Amino acid sequence: MIVVDTFVRCIALAGGLALHLALSGPVLAQSALEERQQFLNAMGEKLFAVSDNSLLLPRDRGWQTFAVSPFGSSTESLVEAYTEVDQRFAYSAARESTIDSVVSIDRGVVVFLAESLPSIWGSVLSYTRPRGSVEADRLLSGPTLRWLFRPTGKYSSRGDMIFSREASRYLQRYEEYRAKVQRLLELEANDAWKYVSPFSRYATFRQASEAQLHDWETSGYKREVESAQLEFGHNAQPFFYRIWSEANEKFKFFAEPYGGGLRTYETLILPSPSSWPGLVDWKNIRYRPAGLGGEFRFQVAVVSVRRPWLDLDFLFDVNGLGRGSESARVQLSDGSPPEFGGSLNGRFIGLIEQIVLVRGVDWIDPNSLAPLTDRPIDTVLGKFAYPQSINVLGYVVHILPKISVPVDLPEYLLSVSEEN
């Protein structure tokens, strides 16, 4: 249950609040909560084509729902969180208290919780990290395991070295060079690679790519590691290890250290805030609160939040793994649906997937189209101090289903193949 002081603190975290302080205006024929629910359902029809503002996602992946931002929120905090790249600590803290915060919903309003998404995702990967050797190791040669994994210093009853599932120094070196090649390929568009070290010293992209591949071959153990990975994948069928490794590598690759052992993660807002005024996707919407003679007319645009470091497919894959076995589990979400007035519980309740922007909010007489001066300030749309400017109307939130992840899975489950 969300307590009042948490709700107030989270409103403060959203920053840039611009409340309309007028003391007069039309009186609602319904309560502010009822109007908010009416508005949410109206927006749900526009965004998801459903009447109850709750879109059930396929394959047991939870729900998408629209929730309004803390009332009257401007875009200032989001823009600051997205552009303050030179002040890394402030940048990370601002982002993790807004778009990269774990969120809940209280009566249709987004609540930014204290834990950040990077923090909870690091915990998920730590809980599910493969530990110890698997039964299929007996099918693999010693050199294959040595190229990929770190030896534990212990031996089996047969006298074979036991390898952990921690990456070997060879695999770590391999990943370091692979990351450089991947980064170069990402920078190919618009010749961005020319301005990034160490690629900028090359005259052409082809020279830069050939040099990176050569370094990967000669210093990054490319052939040895990939040969070992091929044998490992063929003989051990390590589906769980593979999907965990892919999720873990994404988490590491899109992280950037900025001192003191802290990291910031590459979260993208697409299109970026600088392009919002010129978006061509602004849609005109009409909304009439029940019992009032006026009508709101406004424009909305939806922008996406992308987190390449967060692999939700992995979370859903491991959600059911090991149930019914002796493995311990950590519950992250209780799977409550996002009902208005309902209670959402857990450590990882939901995350923001889209930002819904609003501008040009007018309160008019629908018969004469004349503007009305007294806006109903108890409505969702009546609280913006600068209604013609771009503001944050709300968010499309992904509410997770019931999620529990295994801890220290039994060895036989770690070697289950994808087909099983």
Protein backbone atom coordinates (compact mmCIF):
# COMPACT_ATOMS: atom_id res chain seq x y z
CA MET A 1 0.00 0.00 0.00
CA ILE A 2 1.36 3.44 -0.86
CA VAL A 3 1.47 5.80 2.09
CA VAL A 4 0.88 9.52 1.89
CA ASP A 5 4.43 10.68 2.59
CA THR A 6 5.76 8.42 -0.18
CA PHE A 7 3.24 9.91 -2.59
CA VAL A 8 4.26 13.47 -1.67
CA ARG A 9 7.96 12.62 -1.92
CA CYS A 10 7.49 11.10 -5.35
CA ILE A 11 5.65 14.18 -6.59
CA ALA A 12 8.65 16.24 -5.49
CA LEU A 13 11.00 13.89 -7.33
CA ALA A 14 9.15 14.45 -10.58
CA GLY A 15 10.36 18.05 -10.56
CA GLY A 16 9.20 20.96 -12.64
CA LEU A 17 5.76 21.09 -11.05
CA ALA A 18 3.72 23.95 -12.43
CA LEU A 19 0.42 24.02 -10.60
CA HIS A 20 -2.31 26.43 -11.62
CA LEU A 21 -3.08 28.35 -8.45
CA ALA A 22 -6.33 29.99 -9.46
CA LEU A 23 -8.88 29.80 -6.71
CA SER A 24 -12.00 30.03 -8.83
CA GLY A 25 -13.49 27.99 -11.66
CA PRO A 26 -16.41 25.75 -12.58
CA VAL A 27 -17.44 23.29 -9.89
CA LEU A 28 -17.34 19.63 -10.86
CA ALA A 29 -20.58 17.70 -10.79
CA GLN A 30 -18.50 14.68 -9.80
CA SER A 31 -15.57 14.26 -7.45
CA ALA A 32 -12.02 14.91 -8.64
CA LEU A 33 -11.33 11.18 -8.37
CA GLU A 34 -14.35 10.34 -10.54
CA GLU A 35 -13.26 12.90 -13.13
CA ARG A 36 -9.76 11.47 -13.14
CA GLN A 37 -11.14 7.98 -13.75
CA GLN A 38 -13.32 9.32 -16.58
CA PHE A 39 -10.30 10.99 -18.14
CA LEU A 40 -8.14 7.86 -17.81
CA ASN A 41 -10.78 5.75 -19.54
CA ALA A 42 -11.08 8.34 -22.31
CA MET A 43 -7.31 8.27 -22.84
CA GLY A 44 -7.31 4.47 -22.69
CA GLU A 45 -9.67 4.43 -25.67
CA LYS A 46 -7.35 6.76 -27.60
CA LEU A 47 -4.13 4.91 -26.73
CA PHE A 48 -5.15 1.24 -26.53
CA ALA A 49 -8.68 1.12 -28.03
CA VAL A 50 -10.02 -0.33 -24.76
CA SER A 51 -12.68 1.18 -22.51
CA ASP A 52 -11.17 0.42 -19.11
CA ASN A 53 -7.62 1.77 -19.68
CA SER A 54 -6.02 -1.63 -19.22
CA LEU A 55 -4.53 -3.56 -22.14
CA LEU A 56 -3.76 -7.18 -21.31
CA LEU A 57 -0.49 -8.15 -22.97
CA PRO A 58 -0.05 -11.54 -24.67
CA ARG A 59 1.98 -14.45 -23.30
CA ASP A 60 1.36 -13.54 -19.65
CA ARG A 61 3.46 -10.38 -19.77
CA GLY A 62 1.20 -8.18 -17.67
CA TRP A 63 -0.64 -5.04 -18.70
CA GLN A 64 -0.15 -1.68 -20.33
CA THR A 65 -2.06 1.18 -18.76
CA PHE A 66 -2.11 4.96 -18.93
CA ALA A 67 -1.48 6.90 -15.73
CA VAL A 68 -1.31 10.67 -15.33
CA SER A 69 1.84 12.38 -14.15
CA PRO A 70 1.96 14.10 -10.76
CA PHE A 71 -0.45 16.94 -11.34
CA GLY A 72 0.68 19.81 -13.53
CA SER A 73 4.11 18.35 -14.37
CA SER A 74 6.21 20.19 -16.91
CA THR A 75 8.86 18.54 -19.08
CA GLU A 76 11.71 20.27 -17.26
CA SER A 77 12.84 17.34 -15.11
CA LEU A 78 12.79 14.91 -18.05
CA VAL A 79 14.81 17.24 -20.26
CA GLU A 80 17.35 17.81 -17.48
CA ALA A 81 17.64 14.09 -16.82
CA TYR A 82 18.20 13.45 -20.50
CA THR A 83 20.68 16.20 -21.37
CA GLU A 84 22.89 16.77 -18.31
CA VAL A 85 25.62 14.47 -19.62
CA ASP A 86 28.49 16.48 -18.18
CA GLN A 87 27.28 16.24 -14.61
CA ARG A 88 27.17 12.48 -14.42
CA PHE A 89 26.02 12.07 -10.84
CA ALA A 90 23.21 14.62 -11.16
CA TYR A 91 22.35 13.12 -14.54
CA SER A 92 22.04 9.61 -13.18
CA ALA A 93 20.16 10.66 -10.06
CA ALA A 94 17.68 12.74 -12.04
CA ARG A 95 17.02 9.98 -14.54
CA GLU A 96 16.70 7.24 -11.96
CA SER A 97 14.13 9.29 -10.04
CA THR A 98 11.98 9.71 -13.17
CA ILE A 99 12.03 7.54 -16.29
CA ASP A 100 14.44 4.94 -14.83
CA SER A 101 12.60 4.54 -11.54
CA VAL A 102 10.49 1.54 -10.63
CA VAL A 103 6.95 2.89 -10.66
CA SER A 104 3.60 2.11 -9.14
CA ILE A 105 0.18 3.71 -9.67
CA ASP A 106 -2.02 5.26 -7.00
CA ARG A 107 -5.60 5.96 -8.19
CA GLY A 108 -4.45 6.67 -11.70
CA VAL A 109 -1.35 8.73 -10.81
CA VAL A 110 2.19 7.50 -11.47
CA VAL A 111 4.26 7.12 -8.32
CA PHE A 112 8.04 7.07 -8.68
CA LEU A 113 9.35 4.58 -6.12
CA ALA A 114 12.68 4.80 -4.34
CA GLU A 115 14.38 1.90 -6.15
CA SER A 116 15.82 2.49 -9.60
CA LEU A 117 15.48 0.09 -12.52
CA PRO A 118 19.27 -0.44 -12.76
CA SER A 119 19.27 -1.42 -9.09
CA ILE A 120 16.45 -3.96 -9.34
CA TRP A 121 17.78 -5.35 -12.63
CA GLY A 122 21.24 -5.84 -11.12
CA SER A 123 19.54 -7.77 -8.30
CA VAL A 124 17.62 -9.97 -10.78
CA LEU A 125 20.83 -10.90 -12.59
CA SER A 126 22.57 -11.55 -9.28
CA TYR A 127 19.74 -13.78 -8.02
CA THR A 128 19.72 -15.85 -11.20
CA ARG A 129 23.47 -16.00 -11.87
CA PRO A 130 24.42 -19.59 -12.76
CA ARG A 131 26.60 -21.00 -10.01
CA GLY A 132 28.73 -24.08 -9.89
CA SER A 133 29.20 -26.62 -12.67
CA VAL A 134 26.42 -28.32 -14.58
CA GLU A 135 25.92 -31.99 -15.23
CA ALA A 136 26.67 -31.54 -18.94
CA ASP A 137 30.23 -30.41 -18.17
CA ARG A 138 31.32 -34.05 -18.34
CA LEU A 139 30.65 -33.90 -22.11
CA LEU A 140 33.09 -31.04 -22.59
CA SER A 141 36.84 -30.98 -22.89
CA GLY A 142 39.01 -29.24 -20.31
CA PRO A 143 40.31 -26.64 -22.83
CA THR A 144 36.75 -25.68 -23.80
CA LEU A 145 35.79 -25.00 -20.21
CA ARG A 146 39.06 -23.17 -19.53
CA TRP A 147 38.53 -20.75 -22.44
CA LEU A 148 35.06 -19.86 -21.17
CA PHE A 149 34.97 -20.19 -17.39
CA ARG A 150 37.01 -19.48 -14.32
CA PRO A 151 38.37 -22.55 -12.48
CA THR A 152 37.26 -22.93 -8.87
CA GLY A 153 40.45 -24.65 -7.69
CA LYS A 154 38.39 -27.71 -6.72
CA TYR A 155 38.20 -31.13 -8.35
CA SER A 156 35.43 -33.66 -8.90
CA SER A 157 35.55 -37.23 -7.63
CA ARG A 158 36.88 -38.20 -11.07
CA GLY A 159 39.76 -35.76 -10.73
CA ASP A 160 38.37 -33.20 -13.20
CA MET A 161 38.75 -29.50 -12.54
CA ILE A 162 35.43 -27.91 -11.52
CA PHE A 163 34.67 -24.65 -13.30
CA SER A 164 32.39 -21.90 -12.04
CA ARG A 165 30.06 -19.96 -14.28
CA GLU A 166 32.12 -16.79 -13.86
CA ALA A 167 33.69 -15.62 -17.12
CA SER A 168 37.31 -16.60 -17.67
CA ARG A 169 39.94 -13.92 -18.28
CA TYR A 170 39.95 -15.04 -21.92
CA LEU A 171 36.21 -14.55 -22.27
CA GLN A 172 36.43 -11.16 -20.56
CA ARG A 173 39.12 -10.10 -23.03
CA TYR A 174 37.01 -11.40 -25.90
CA GLU A 175 33.99 -9.39 -24.74
CA GLU A 176 36.10 -6.25 -24.40
CA TYR A 177 37.13 -6.39 -28.06
CA ARG A 178 33.69 -7.49 -29.22
CA ALA A 179 32.20 -4.43 -27.52
CA LYS A 180 34.59 -2.15 -29.42
CA VAL A 181 33.55 -3.65 -32.75
CA GLN A 182 29.87 -3.41 -31.85
CA ARG A 183 30.30 0.21 -30.78
CA LEU A 184 32.01 1.06 -34.07
CA LEU A 185 29.15 -0.47 -36.06
CA GLU A 186 26.62 1.54 -34.06
CA LEU A 187 28.52 4.74 -34.88
CA GLU A 188 28.66 4.10 -38.64
CA ALA A 189 25.52 6.13 -39.36
CA ASN A 190 26.20 9.80 -40.12
CA ASP A 191 29.95 9.16 -39.77
CA ALA A 192 29.69 9.57 -35.99
CA TRP A 193 32.68 7.20 -35.57
CA LYS A 194 35.00 9.97 -36.84
CA TYR A 195 34.53 11.87 -33.58
CA VAL A 196 34.97 9.01 -31.12
CA SER A 197 38.27 7.70 -29.81
CA PRO A 198 39.96 5.35 -30.75
CA PHE A 199 38.22 5.22 -34.15
CA SER A 200 38.87 8.86 -35.06
CA ARG A 201 42.50 8.22 -36.03
CA TYR A 202 41.47 6.22 -39.11
CA ALA A 203 40.81 7.85 -42.48
CA THR A 204 37.91 5.60 -43.51
CA PHE A 205 35.32 3.44 -41.80
CA ARG A 206 36.70 0.38 -43.58
CA GLN A 207 40.17 1.01 -42.14
CA ALA A 208 38.71 1.44 -38.67
CA SER A 209 36.63 -1.74 -38.87
CA GLU A 210 39.49 -3.84 -40.28
CA ALA A 211 41.79 -2.61 -37.51
CA GLN A 212 39.27 -3.46 -34.79
CA LEU A 213 38.65 -6.93 -36.22
CA HIS A 214 42.40 -7.53 -36.46
CA ASP A 215 42.87 -6.55 -32.82
CA TRP A 216 39.99 -8.82 -31.86
CA GLU A 217 41.60 -11.74 -33.69
CA THR A 218 45.13 -11.23 -32.35
CA SER A 219 44.51 -9.96 -28.82
CA GLY A 220 40.92 -10.82 -28.00
CA TYR A 221 41.09 -14.64 -28.32
CA LYS A 222 38.33 -14.48 -30.93
CA ARG A 223 38.91 -17.84 -32.62
CA GLU A 224 39.60 -19.72 -29.42
CA VAL A 225 36.60 -18.40 -27.51
CA GLU A 226 34.16 -18.81 -30.40
CA SER A 227 35.34 -22.36 -31.00
CA ALA A 228 34.83 -23.13 -27.33
CA GLN A 229 31.39 -21.48 -27.39
CA LEU A 230 30.42 -23.62 -30.38
CA GLU A 231 31.37 -26.84 -28.59
CA PHE A 232 29.74 -25.69 -25.38
CA GLY A 233 26.50 -24.83 -27.14
CA HIS A 234 26.46 -28.10 -29.08
CA ASN A 235 27.18 -30.46 -26.19
CA ALA A 236 25.91 -28.77 -23.05
CA GLN A 237 22.64 -27.29 -24.39
CA PRO A 238 22.93 -24.47 -21.86
CA PHE A 239 19.71 -22.58 -22.62
CA PHE A 240 19.55 -20.92 -19.21
CA TYR A 241 23.22 -20.03 -19.22
CA ARG A 242 22.90 -18.55 -22.72
CA ILE A 243 19.93 -16.33 -21.98
CA TRP A 244 21.43 -15.21 -18.66
CA SER A 245 24.73 -14.37 -20.36
CA GLU A 246 22.98 -12.35 -23.07
CA ALA A 247 21.00 -10.36 -20.49
CA ASN A 248 24.10 -9.81 -18.36
CA GLU A 249 26.20 -8.67 -21.32
CA LYS A 250 23.56 -6.11 -22.34
CA PHE A 251 23.52 -4.78 -18.80
CA LYS A 252 27.30 -4.37 -18.79
CA PHE A 253 27.69 -3.11 -22.35
CA PHE A 254 25.26 -0.20 -22.02
CA ALA A 255 26.68 0.93 -18.68
CA GLU A 256 29.14 3.79 -18.38
CA PRO A 257 31.23 4.36 -15.23
CA TYR A 258 31.48 7.90 -13.91
CA GLY A 259 33.59 7.57 -10.75
CA GLY A 260 33.33 6.10 -7.31
CA GLY A 261 32.25 2.73 -8.65
CA LEU A 262 28.96 4.24 -9.86
CA ARG A 263 27.45 3.73 -13.30
CA THR A 264 24.89 5.33 -15.54
CA TYR A 265 22.90 3.36 -18.09
CA GLU A 266 22.06 4.25 -21.67
CA THR A 267 18.33 4.94 -21.68
CA LEU A 268 16.94 6.57 -24.81
CA ILE A 269 13.92 8.82 -25.30
CA LEU A 270 12.81 8.59 -28.93
CA PRO A 271 12.30 11.09 -30.41
CA SER A 272 14.62 13.13 -28.19
CA PRO A 273 13.27 16.11 -26.21
CA SER A 274 14.87 18.66 -28.54
CA SER A 275 12.59 17.47 -31.36
CA TRP A 276 9.30 17.49 -29.45
CA PRO A 277 8.02 20.90 -30.66
CA GLY A 278 8.41 19.83 -34.29
CA LEU A 279 6.85 16.36 -34.05
CA VAL A 280 4.38 15.56 -36.80
CA ASP A 281 2.52 13.04 -34.63
CA TRP A 282 0.61 15.49 -32.45
CA LYS A 283 -3.02 14.34 -32.34
CA ASN A 284 -6.05 16.54 -31.65
CA ILE A 285 -8.28 15.27 -28.83
CA ARG A 286 -11.55 16.48 -27.34
CA TYR A 287 -12.64 15.67 -23.82
CA ARG A 288 -15.72 16.84 -21.92
CA PRO A 289 -15.83 16.29 -18.14
CA ALA A 290 -19.21 15.03 -17.00
CA GLY A 291 -21.59 17.70 -15.75
CA LEU A 292 -19.70 20.71 -17.12
CA GLY A 293 -20.74 22.85 -20.05
CA GLY A 294 -17.25 23.27 -21.44
CA GLU A 295 -14.93 21.01 -23.38
CA PHE A 296 -11.18 20.53 -23.33
CA ARG A 297 -9.40 20.52 -26.68
CA PHE A 298 -5.75 19.64 -26.68
CA GLN A 299 -2.97 17.83 -28.54
CA VAL A 300 -1.03 14.77 -27.41
CA ALA A 301 2.09 13.04 -28.72
CA VAL A 302 3.62 9.78 -27.52
CA VAL A 303 7.38 9.24 -27.29
CA SER A 304 9.10 5.95 -26.48
CA VAL A 305 11.53 5.04 -23.72
CA ARG A 306 14.10 2.44 -24.79
CA ARG A 307 16.42 0.64 -22.40
CA PRO A 308 18.79 -1.61 -24.38
CA TRP A 309 20.39 -2.76 -21.12
CA LEU A 310 17.11 -4.16 -19.72
CA ASP A 311 16.11 -7.55 -21.16
CA LEU A 312 12.51 -8.18 -20.10
CA ASP A 313 12.41 -11.32 -22.27
CA PHE A 314 14.92 -12.86 -19.87
CA LEU A 315 12.74 -11.92 -16.89
CA PHE A 316 9.70 -13.63 -18.42
CA ASP A 317 11.78 -16.68 -19.42
CA VAL A 318 13.02 -17.26 -15.88
CA ASN A 319 9.68 -16.42 -14.25
CA GLY A 320 8.43 -19.97 -14.51
CA LEU A 321 11.78 -21.75 -14.43
CA GLY A 322 12.27 -24.09 -11.49
CA ARG A 323 8.77 -23.85 -10.04
CA GLY A 324 7.87 -26.99 -8.20
CA SER A 325 11.53 -27.78 -7.60
CA GLU A 326 13.49 -27.34 -4.40
CA SER A 327 14.92 -24.02 -5.58
CA ALA A 328 14.27 -20.88 -3.56
CA ARG A 329 12.51 -17.96 -5.23
CA VAL A 330 12.31 -14.20 -4.76
CA GLN A 331 8.94 -12.62 -5.53
CA LEU A 332 9.20 -9.25 -7.29
CA SER A 333 5.55 -8.53 -8.14
CA ASP A 334 2.26 -9.95 -6.90
CA GLY A 335 0.61 -9.66 -10.32
CA SER A 336 -2.28 -7.41 -9.26
CA PRO A 337 -4.00 -5.82 -12.29
CA PRO A 338 -3.89 -2.01 -12.64
CA GLU A 339 -7.42 -1.29 -11.46
CA PHE A 340 -8.38 2.23 -10.40
CA GLY A 341 -8.15 2.34 -6.61
CA GLY A 342 -6.53 -1.09 -6.46
CA SER A 343 -3.34 -1.97 -4.62
CA LEU A 344 -0.12 -2.88 -6.45
CA ASN A 345 2.54 -4.59 -4.39
CA GLY A 346 6.09 -5.77 -4.90
CA ARG A 347 9.62 -4.59 -5.43
CA PHE A 348 9.34 -4.52 -9.25
CA ILE A 349 5.76 -3.42 -9.93
CA GLY A 350 6.12 -1.61 -13.22
CA LEU A 351 8.17 0.60 -15.52
CA ILE A 352 7.54 3.50 -17.89
CA GLU A 353 7.52 2.52 -21.57
CA GLN A 354 6.15 5.69 -23.16
CA ILE A 355 5.76 9.35 -22.24
CA VAL A 356 2.51 11.08 -23.21
CA LEU A 357 3.04 14.79 -23.92
CA VAL A 358 0.33 17.42 -24.05
CA ARG A 359 0.16 20.97 -25.42
CA GLY A 360 -2.37 23.57 -26.53
CA VAL A 361 -4.88 22.82 -23.75
CA ASP A 362 -7.96 25.00 -24.35
CA TRP A 363 -11.18 25.13 -22.35
CA ILE A 364 -13.95 26.21 -24.69
CA ASP A 365 -17.69 26.43 -25.19
CA PRO A 366 -18.34 23.54 -27.64
CA ASN A 367 -21.29 25.38 -29.18
CA SER A 368 -19.66 28.74 -29.95
CA LEU A 369 -15.99 27.53 -29.87
CA ALA A 370 -15.31 30.62 -27.77
CA PRO A 371 -12.63 30.22 -25.09
CA LEU A 372 -13.85 30.08 -21.50
CA THR A 373 -11.75 31.96 -18.97
CA ASP A 374 -12.46 29.89 -15.87
CA ARG A 375 -10.86 26.51 -16.27
CA PRO A 376 -12.09 23.75 -13.91
CA ILE A 377 -8.94 23.39 -11.82
CA ASP A 378 -10.13 20.17 -10.18
CA THR A 379 -9.75 18.32 -13.49
CA VAL A 380 -6.58 16.63 -14.74
CA LEU A 381 -6.23 19.09 -17.63
CA GLY A 382 -7.03 22.15 -15.54
CA LYS A 383 -3.86 22.07 -13.45
CA PHE A 384 -1.21 23.21 -15.92
CA ALA A 385 0.13 26.71 -15.28
CA TYR A 386 1.18 27.03 -18.93
CA PRO A 387 -1.41 24.98 -20.85
CA GLN A 388 -0.17 26.06 -24.29
CA SER A 389 3.36 24.79 -23.61
CA ILE A 390 4.52 21.18 -23.86
CA ASN A 391 3.84 19.39 -20.58
CA VAL A 392 3.92 15.80 -19.39
CA LEU A 393 0.35 14.53 -19.34
CA GLY A 394 1.22 11.03 -18.19
CA TYR A 395 2.91 7.76 -18.97
CA VAL A 396 2.17 4.42 -20.56
CA VAL A 397 3.20 2.04 -17.78
CA HIS A 398 3.98 -1.65 -18.11
CA ILE A 399 2.58 -3.35 -15.01
CA LEU A 400 4.24 -6.72 -14.56
CA PRO A 401 2.41 -9.98 -13.95
CA LYS A 402 3.20 -12.11 -10.93
CA ILE A 403 6.98 -12.41 -11.09
CA SER A 404 9.26 -14.58 -9.01
CA VAL A 405 12.81 -15.47 -9.97
CA PRO A 406 14.78 -18.53 -8.92
CA VAL A 407 17.80 -18.34 -6.66
CA ASP A 408 20.54 -21.00 -6.93
CA LEU A 409 18.73 -23.23 -9.39
CA PRO A 410 19.43 -26.96 -9.16
CA GLU A 411 22.14 -28.08 -11.58
CA TYR A 412 19.79 -30.19 -13.72
CA LEU A 413 17.66 -27.10 -14.48
CA LEU A 414 20.67 -25.09 -15.58
CA SER A 415 21.31 -27.52 -18.44
CA VAL A 416 17.71 -27.64 -19.73
CA SER A 417 17.56 -26.94 -23.45
CA GLU A 418 15.36 -24.31 -25.08
CA GLU A 419 13.06 -26.94 -26.59
CA ASN A 420 12.25 -28.25 -23.13
